[in-house]
Amino acid sequence: MKVYLNTVEKVKRFVEITSRFQDAIDLSGGRFVVDGKSILGIFSLNLRRPLEVITYGGAEEQEILRAVQPFAE
């Protein structure tokens, strides 16, 4: 799923949501991949472009995708 985190508030809210899950969540911005629960990691990406949410098929995968749906492009 692609998400757009173009404001500080969106990044903060995204991290609040993803931090509630046990499963790994990564964000990919081009050739860089960071922890989707790390505010500093997310700010190291180019936030003017959409980011790819990467989940690894854990038990919470569908819940994660539903929770971050409001950030979809």
PDB file of N, CA and C in Angstrom:
ATOM      1  N   MET A   1       0.845  -1.163   0.000  1.00  0.00           N
ATOM      2  CA  MET A   1       0.000   0.000   0.000  1.00  0.00           C
ATOM      3  C   MET A   1       0.898   1.236   0.000  1.00  0.00           C
ATOM      4  N   LYS A   2       0.514   2.254  -0.734  1.00  0.00           N
ATOM      5  CA  LYS A   2       1.241   3.519  -0.768  1.00  0.00           C
ATOM      6  C   LYS A   2       0.558   4.501   0.182  1.00  0.00           C
ATOM      7  N   VAL A   3       1.368   5.212   0.945  1.00  0.00           N
ATOM      8  CA  VAL A   3       0.858   6.231   1.849  1.00  0.00           C
ATOM      9  C   VAL A   3       1.578   7.545   1.579  1.00  0.00           C
ATOM     10  N   TYR A   4       0.941   8.621   1.960  1.00  0.00           N
ATOM     11  CA  TYR A   4       1.503   9.948   1.764  1.00  0.00           C
ATOM     12  C   TYR A   4       1.578  10.635   3.121  1.00  0.00           C
ATOM     13  N   LEU A   5       2.797  10.835   3.617  1.00  0.00           N
ATOM     14  CA  LEU A   5       3.019  11.432   4.933  1.00  0.00           C
ATOM     15  C   LEU A   5       3.708  12.778   4.757  1.00  0.00           C
ATOM     16  N   ASN A   6       2.978  13.750   4.257  1.00  0.00           N
ATOM     17  CA  ASN A   6       3.579  15.017   3.859  1.00  0.00           C
ATOM     18  C   ASN A   6       3.538  16.111   4.924  1.00  0.00           C
ATOM     19  N   THR A   7       3.112  15.788   6.145  1.00  0.00           N
ATOM     20  CA  THR A   7       3.140  16.778   7.234  1.00  0.00           C
ATOM     21  C   THR A   7       3.685  16.115   8.494  1.00  0.00           C
ATOM     22  N   VAL A   8       4.161  16.938   9.389  1.00  0.00           N
ATOM     23  CA  VAL A   8       4.670  16.443  10.676  1.00  0.00           C
ATOM     24  C   VAL A   8       3.560  15.724  11.430  1.00  0.00           C
ATOM     25  N   GLU A   9       2.372  16.281  11.413  1.00  0.00           N
ATOM     26  CA  GLU A   9       1.240  15.660  12.119  1.00  0.00           C
ATOM     27  C   GLU A   9       0.910  14.279  11.567  1.00  0.00           C
ATOM     28  N   LYS A  10       0.954  14.121  10.244  1.00  0.00           N
ATOM     29  CA  LYS A  10       0.678  12.806   9.646  1.00  0.00           C
ATOM     30  C   LYS A  10       1.736  11.793  10.064  1.00  0.00           C
ATOM     31  N   VAL A  11       3.001  12.207  10.096  1.00  0.00           N
ATOM     32  CA  VAL A  11       4.071  11.300  10.512  1.00  0.00           C
ATOM     33  C   VAL A  11       3.867  10.895  11.969  1.00  0.00           C
ATOM     34  N   LYS A  12       3.591  11.852  12.833  1.00  0.00           N
ATOM     35  CA  LYS A  12       3.375  11.545  14.248  1.00  0.00           C
ATOM     36  C   LYS A  12       2.206  10.585  14.427  1.00  0.00           C
ATOM     37  N   ARG A  13       1.115  10.842  13.746  1.00  0.00           N
ATOM     38  CA  ARG A  13      -0.074   9.977  13.863  1.00  0.00           C
ATOM     39  C   ARG A  13       0.219   8.579  13.315  1.00  0.00           C
ATOM     40  N   PHE A  14       0.927   8.506  12.192  1.00  0.00           N
ATOM     41  CA  PHE A  14       1.284   7.217  11.596  1.00  0.00           C
ATOM     42  C   PHE A  14       2.107   6.386  12.587  1.00  0.00           C
ATOM     43  N   VAL A  15       3.084   7.002  13.231  1.00  0.00           N
ATOM     44  CA  VAL A  15       3.937   6.293  14.195  1.00  0.00           C
ATOM     45  C   VAL A  15       3.123   5.865  15.419  1.00  0.00           C
ATOM     46  N   GLU A  16       2.208   6.708  15.875  1.00  0.00           N
ATOM     47  CA  GLU A  16       1.337   6.326  16.996  1.00  0.00           C
ATOM     48  C   GLU A  16       0.533   5.070  16.649  1.00  0.00           C
ATOM     49  N   ILE A  17       0.019   5.018  15.435  1.00  0.00           N
ATOM     50  CA  ILE A  17      -0.789   3.876  15.006  1.00  0.00           C
ATOM     51  C   ILE A  17       0.071   2.632  14.836  1.00  0.00           C
ATOM     52  N   THR A  18       1.177   2.736  14.115  1.00  0.00           N
ATOM     53  CA  THR A  18       1.995   1.547  13.834  1.00  0.00           C
ATOM     54  C   THR A  18       2.671   0.994  15.084  1.00  0.00           C
ATOM     55  N   SER A  19       2.934   1.844  16.054  1.00  0.00           N
ATOM     56  CA  SER A  19       3.608   1.387  17.281  1.00  0.00           C
ATOM     57  C   SER A  19       2.731   0.474  18.124  1.00  0.00           C
ATOM     58  N   ARG A  20       1.446   0.454  17.866  1.00  0.00           N
ATOM     59  CA  ARG A  20       0.530  -0.418  18.616  1.00  0.00           C
ATOM     60  C   ARG A  20       0.620  -1.875  18.188  1.00  0.00           C
ATOM     61  N   PHE A  21       1.250  -2.146  17.057  1.00  0.00           N
ATOM     62  CA  PHE A  21       1.304  -3.505  16.517  1.00  0.00           C
ATOM     63  C   PHE A  21       2.632  -4.183  16.847  1.00  0.00           C
ATOM     64  N   GLN A  22       2.569  -5.499  17.023  1.00  0.00           N
ATOM     65  CA  GLN A  22       3.767  -6.289  17.286  1.00  0.00           C
ATOM     66  C   GLN A  22       4.515  -6.635  15.996  1.00  0.00           C
ATOM     67  N   ASP A  23       3.768  -6.838  14.899  1.00  0.00           N
ATOM     68  CA  ASP A  23       4.389  -7.221  13.626  1.00  0.00           C
ATOM     69  C   ASP A  23       5.312  -6.119  13.115  1.00  0.00           C
ATOM     70  N   ALA A  24       6.306  -6.521  12.330  1.00  0.00           N
ATOM     71  CA  ALA A  24       7.222  -5.562  11.716  1.00  0.00           C
ATOM     72  C   ALA A  24       6.501  -4.785  10.618  1.00  0.00           C
ATOM     73  N   ILE A  25       6.777  -3.498  10.579  1.00  0.00           N
ATOM     74  CA  ILE A  25       6.216  -2.614   9.561  1.00  0.00           C
ATOM     75  C   ILE A  25       7.362  -1.746   9.062  1.00  0.00           C
ATOM     76  N   ASP A  26       7.612  -1.772   7.776  1.00  0.00           N
ATOM     77  CA  ASP A  26       8.647  -0.937   7.186  1.00  0.00           C
ATOM     78  C   ASP A  26       8.027   0.034   6.208  1.00  0.00           C
ATOM     79  N   LEU A  27       8.758   1.111   5.923  1.00  0.00           N
ATOM     80  CA  LEU A  27       8.371   2.065   4.891  1.00  0.00           C
ATOM     81  C   LEU A  27       9.506   2.156   3.893  1.00  0.00           C
ATOM     82  N   SER A  28       9.161   2.117   2.632  1.00  0.00           N
ATOM     83  CA  SER A  28      10.148   2.220   1.575  1.00  0.00           C
ATOM     84  C   SER A  28       9.939   3.514   0.814  1.00  0.00           C
ATOM     85  N   GLY A  29      11.003   4.256   0.677  1.00  0.00           N
ATOM     86  CA  GLY A  29      10.988   5.477  -0.115  1.00  0.00           C
ATOM     87  C   GLY A  29      12.101   5.379  -1.133  1.00  0.00           C
ATOM     88  N   GLY A  30      11.772   4.880  -2.319  1.00  0.00           N
ATOM     89  CA  GLY A  30      12.810   4.660  -3.324  1.00  0.00           C
ATOM     90  C   GLY A  30      13.681   3.495  -2.921  1.00  0.00           C
ATOM     91  N   ARG A  31      14.965   3.742  -2.814  1.00  0.00           N
ATOM     92  CA  ARG A  31      15.890   2.648  -2.468  1.00  0.00           C
ATOM     93  C   ARG A  31      16.141   2.509  -0.977  1.00  0.00           C
ATOM     94  N   PHE A  32      15.508   3.356  -0.181  1.00  0.00           N
ATOM     95  CA  PHE A  32      15.696   3.324   1.262  1.00  0.00           C
ATOM     96  C   PHE A  32      14.501   2.668   1.949  1.00  0.00           C
ATOM     97  N   VAL A  33      14.794   1.856   2.964  1.00  0.00           N
ATOM     98  CA  VAL A  33      13.754   1.201   3.757  1.00  0.00           C
ATOM     99  C   VAL A  33      14.042   1.506   5.221  1.00  0.00           C
ATOM    100  N   VAL A  34      12.995   1.983   5.921  1.00  0.00           N
ATOM    101  CA  VAL A  34      13.154   2.306   7.343  1.00  0.00           C
ATOM    102  C   VAL A  34      12.046   1.638   8.137  1.00  0.00           C
ATOM    103  N   ASP A  35      12.244   1.577   9.433  1.00  0.00           N
ATOM    104  CA  ASP A  35      11.242   1.036  10.357  1.00  0.00           C
ATOM    105  C   ASP A  35      10.034   1.975  10.370  1.00  0.00           C
ATOM    106  N   GLY A  36       8.868   1.444  10.080  1.00  0.00           N
ATOM    107  CA  GLY A  36       7.646   2.233  10.047  1.00  0.00           C
ATOM    108  C   GLY A  36       7.156   2.675  11.410  1.00  0.00           C
ATOM    109  N   LYS A  37       7.881   2.297  12.464  1.00  0.00           N
ATOM    110  CA  LYS A  37       7.530   2.718  13.820  1.00  0.00           C
ATOM    111  C   LYS A  37       8.525   3.759  14.340  1.00  0.00           C
ATOM    112  N   SER A  38       9.444   4.174  13.493  1.00  0.00           N
ATOM    113  CA  SER A  38      10.509   5.097  13.888  1.00  0.00           C
ATOM    114  C   SER A  38      10.277   6.476  13.289  1.00  0.00           C
ATOM    115  N   ILE A  39       9.987   7.440  14.144  1.00  0.00           N
ATOM    116  CA  ILE A  39       9.739   8.794  13.652  1.00  0.00           C
ATOM    117  C   ILE A  39      10.992   9.363  12.983  1.00  0.00           C
ATOM    118  N   LEU A  40      12.161   9.101  13.555  1.00  0.00           N
ATOM    119  CA  LEU A  40      13.398   9.596  12.950  1.00  0.00           C
ATOM    120  C   LEU A  40      13.673   8.917  11.612  1.00  0.00           C
ATOM    121  N   GLY A  41      13.408   7.627  11.555  1.00  0.00           N
ATOM    122  CA  GLY A  41      13.597   6.913  10.294  1.00  0.00           C
ATOM    123  C   GLY A  41      12.700   7.461   9.203  1.00  0.00           C
ATOM    124  N   ILE A  42      11.449   7.717   9.532  1.00  0.00           N
ATOM    125  CA  ILE A  42      10.504   8.237   8.537  1.00  0.00           C
ATOM    126  C   ILE A  42      10.937   9.618   8.065  1.00  0.00           C
ATOM    127  N   PHE A  43      11.398  10.465   8.983  1.00  0.00           N
ATOM    128  CA  PHE A  43      11.831  11.803   8.586  1.00  0.00           C
ATOM    129  C   PHE A  43      13.093  11.774   7.723  1.00  0.00           C
ATOM    130  N   SER A  44      13.795  10.658   7.675  1.00  0.00           N
ATOM    131  CA  SER A  44      14.979  10.563   6.811  1.00  0.00           C
ATOM    132  C   SER A  44      14.595  10.286   5.355  1.00  0.00           C
ATOM    133  N   LEU A  45      13.318   9.971   5.108  1.00  0.00           N
ATOM    134  CA  LEU A  45      12.848   9.697   3.753  1.00  0.00           C
ATOM    135  C   LEU A  45      12.363  10.979   3.081  1.00  0.00           C
ATOM    136  N   ASN A  46      12.231  10.917   1.755  1.00  0.00           N
ATOM    137  CA  ASN A  46      11.670  12.036   0.999  1.00  0.00           C
ATOM    138  C   ASN A  46      10.148  12.007   1.167  1.00  0.00           C
ATOM    139  N   LEU A  47       9.617  12.887   1.987  1.00  0.00           N
ATOM    140  CA  LEU A  47       8.193  12.865   2.313  1.00  0.00           C
ATOM    141  C   LEU A  47       7.332  13.590   1.277  1.00  0.00           C
ATOM    142  N   ARG A  48       7.961  14.100   0.247  1.00  0.00           N
ATOM    143  CA  ARG A  48       7.194  14.728  -0.835  1.00  0.00           C
ATOM    144  C   ARG A  48       6.675  13.687  -1.820  1.00  0.00           C
ATOM    145  N   ARG A  49       7.111  12.466  -1.660  1.00  0.00           N
ATOM    146  CA  ARG A  49       6.682  11.371  -2.528  1.00  0.00           C
ATOM    147  C   ARG A  49       5.938  10.330  -1.702  1.00  0.00           C
ATOM    148  N   PRO A  50       5.094   9.535  -2.365  1.00  0.00           N
ATOM    149  CA  PRO A  50       4.406   8.464  -1.624  1.00  0.00           C
ATOM    150  C   PRO A  50       5.405   7.414  -1.136  1.00  0.00           C
ATOM    151  N   LEU A  51       5.087   6.812  -0.023  1.00  0.00           N
ATOM    152  CA  LEU A  51       5.922   5.770   0.572  1.00  0.00           C
ATOM    153  C   LEU A  51       5.178   4.446   0.520  1.00  0.00           C
ATOM    154  N   GLU A  52       5.915   3.376   0.387  1.00  0.00           N
ATOM    155  CA  GLU A  52       5.328   2.034   0.333  1.00  0.00           C
ATOM    156  C   GLU A  52       5.353   1.423   1.729  1.00  0.00           C
ATOM    157  N   VAL A  53       4.200   0.989   2.218  1.00  0.00           N
ATOM    158  CA  VAL A  53       4.113   0.284   3.498  1.00  0.00           C
ATOM    159  C   VAL A  53       4.406  -1.187   3.228  1.00  0.00           C
ATOM    160  N   ILE A  54       5.355  -1.729   3.967  1.00  0.00           N
ATOM    161  CA  ILE A  54       5.741  -3.131   3.797  1.00  0.00           C
ATOM    162  C   ILE A  54       5.412  -3.883   5.081  1.00  0.00           C
ATOM    163  N   THR A  55       4.576  -4.903   4.946  1.00  0.00           N
ATOM    164  CA  THR A  55       4.299  -5.812   6.062  1.00  0.00           C
ATOM    165  C   THR A  55       4.790  -7.186   5.629  1.00  0.00           C
ATOM    166  N   TYR A  56       4.960  -8.073   6.567  1.00  0.00           N
ATOM    167  CA  TYR A  56       5.598  -9.355   6.260  1.00  0.00           C
ATOM    168  C   TYR A  56       4.686 -10.546   6.482  1.00  0.00           C
ATOM    169  N   GLY A  57       3.382 -10.342   6.295  1.00  0.00           N
ATOM    170  CA  GLY A  57       2.436 -11.451   6.354  1.00  0.00           C
ATOM    171  C   GLY A  57       2.182 -12.005   7.737  1.00  0.00           C
ATOM    172  N   GLY A  58       2.417 -11.189   8.751  1.00  0.00           N
ATOM    173  CA  GLY A  58       2.164 -11.642  10.118  1.00  0.00           C
ATOM    174  C   GLY A  58       0.677 -11.701  10.411  1.00  0.00           C
ATOM    175  N   ALA A  59       0.365 -12.099  11.609  1.00  0.00           N
ATOM    176  CA  ALA A  59      -1.028 -12.265  12.028  1.00  0.00           C
ATOM    177  C   ALA A  59      -1.805 -10.955  11.999  1.00  0.00           C
ATOM    178  N   GLU A  60      -1.107  -9.830  12.132  1.00  0.00           N
ATOM    179  CA  GLU A  60      -1.782  -8.539  12.201  1.00  0.00           C
ATOM    180  C   GLU A  60      -1.815  -7.795  10.870  1.00  0.00           C
ATOM    181  N   GLU A  61      -1.382  -8.421   9.803  1.00  0.00           N
ATOM    182  CA  GLU A  61      -1.220  -7.726   8.521  1.00  0.00           C
ATOM    183  C   GLU A  61      -2.477  -6.983   8.074  1.00  0.00           C
ATOM    184  N   GLN A  62      -3.623  -7.628   8.086  1.00  0.00           N
ATOM    185  CA  GLN A  62      -4.858  -6.979   7.633  1.00  0.00           C
ATOM    186  C   GLN A  62      -5.257  -5.827   8.552  1.00  0.00           C
ATOM    187  N   GLU A  63      -5.053  -5.993   9.846  1.00  0.00           N
ATOM    188  CA  GLU A  63      -5.354  -4.922  10.797  1.00  0.00           C
ATOM    189  C   GLU A  63      -4.460  -3.707  10.547  1.00  0.00           C
ATOM    190  N   ILE A  64      -3.189  -3.960  10.282  1.00  0.00           N
ATOM    191  CA  ILE A  64      -2.241  -2.882   9.999  1.00  0.00           C
ATOM    192  C   ILE A  64      -2.678  -2.113   8.761  1.00  0.00           C
ATOM    193  N   LEU A  65      -2.995  -2.828   7.709  1.00  0.00           N
ATOM    194  CA  LEU A  65      -3.387  -2.174   6.461  1.00  0.00           C
ATOM    195  C   LEU A  65      -4.663  -1.355   6.629  1.00  0.00           C
ATOM    196  N   ARG A  66      -5.602  -1.861   7.423  1.00  0.00           N
ATOM    197  CA  ARG A  66      -6.823  -1.087   7.704  1.00  0.00           C
ATOM    198  C   ARG A  66      -6.494   0.173   8.521  1.00  0.00           C
ATOM    199  N   ALA A  67      -5.591   0.025   9.474  1.00  0.00           N
ATOM    200  CA  ALA A  67      -5.259   1.156  10.355  1.00  0.00           C
ATOM    201  C   ALA A  67      -4.554   2.287   9.615  1.00  0.00           C
ATOM    202  N   VAL A  68      -3.743   1.958   8.611  1.00  0.00           N
ATOM    203  CA  VAL A  68      -3.008   2.995   7.886  1.00  0.00           C
ATOM    204  C   VAL A  68      -3.738   3.444   6.613  1.00  0.00           C
ATOM    205  N   GLN A  69      -4.900   2.876   6.353  1.00  0.00           N
ATOM    206  CA  GLN A  69      -5.687   3.232   5.167  1.00  0.00           C
ATOM    207  C   GLN A  69      -5.950   4.735   5.049  1.00  0.00           C
ATOM    208  N   PRO A  70      -6.197   5.468   6.129  1.00  0.00           N
ATOM    209  CA  PRO A  70      -6.442   6.910   5.989  1.00  0.00           C
ATOM    210  C   PRO A  70      -5.268   7.692   5.380  1.00  0.00           C
ATOM    211  N   PHE A  71      -4.078   7.104   5.404  1.00  0.00           N
ATOM    212  CA  PHE A  71      -2.904   7.766   4.841  1.00  0.00           C
ATOM    213  C   PHE A  71      -2.656   7.402   3.375  1.00  0.00           C
ATOM    214  N   ALA A  72      -3.484   6.514   2.832  1.00  0.00           N
ATOM    215  CA  ALA A  72      -3.300   6.080   1.445  1.00  0.00           C
ATOM    216  C   ALA A  72      -3.466   7.252   0.501  1.00  0.00           C
ATOM    217  N   GLU A  73      -2.737   7.186  -0.619  1.00  0.00           N
ATOM    218  CA  GLU A  73      -2.836   8.297  -1.569  1.00  0.00           C
ATOM    219  C   GLU A  73      -4.177   8.345  -2.225  1.00  0.00           C
TER     220      GLU A  73
END
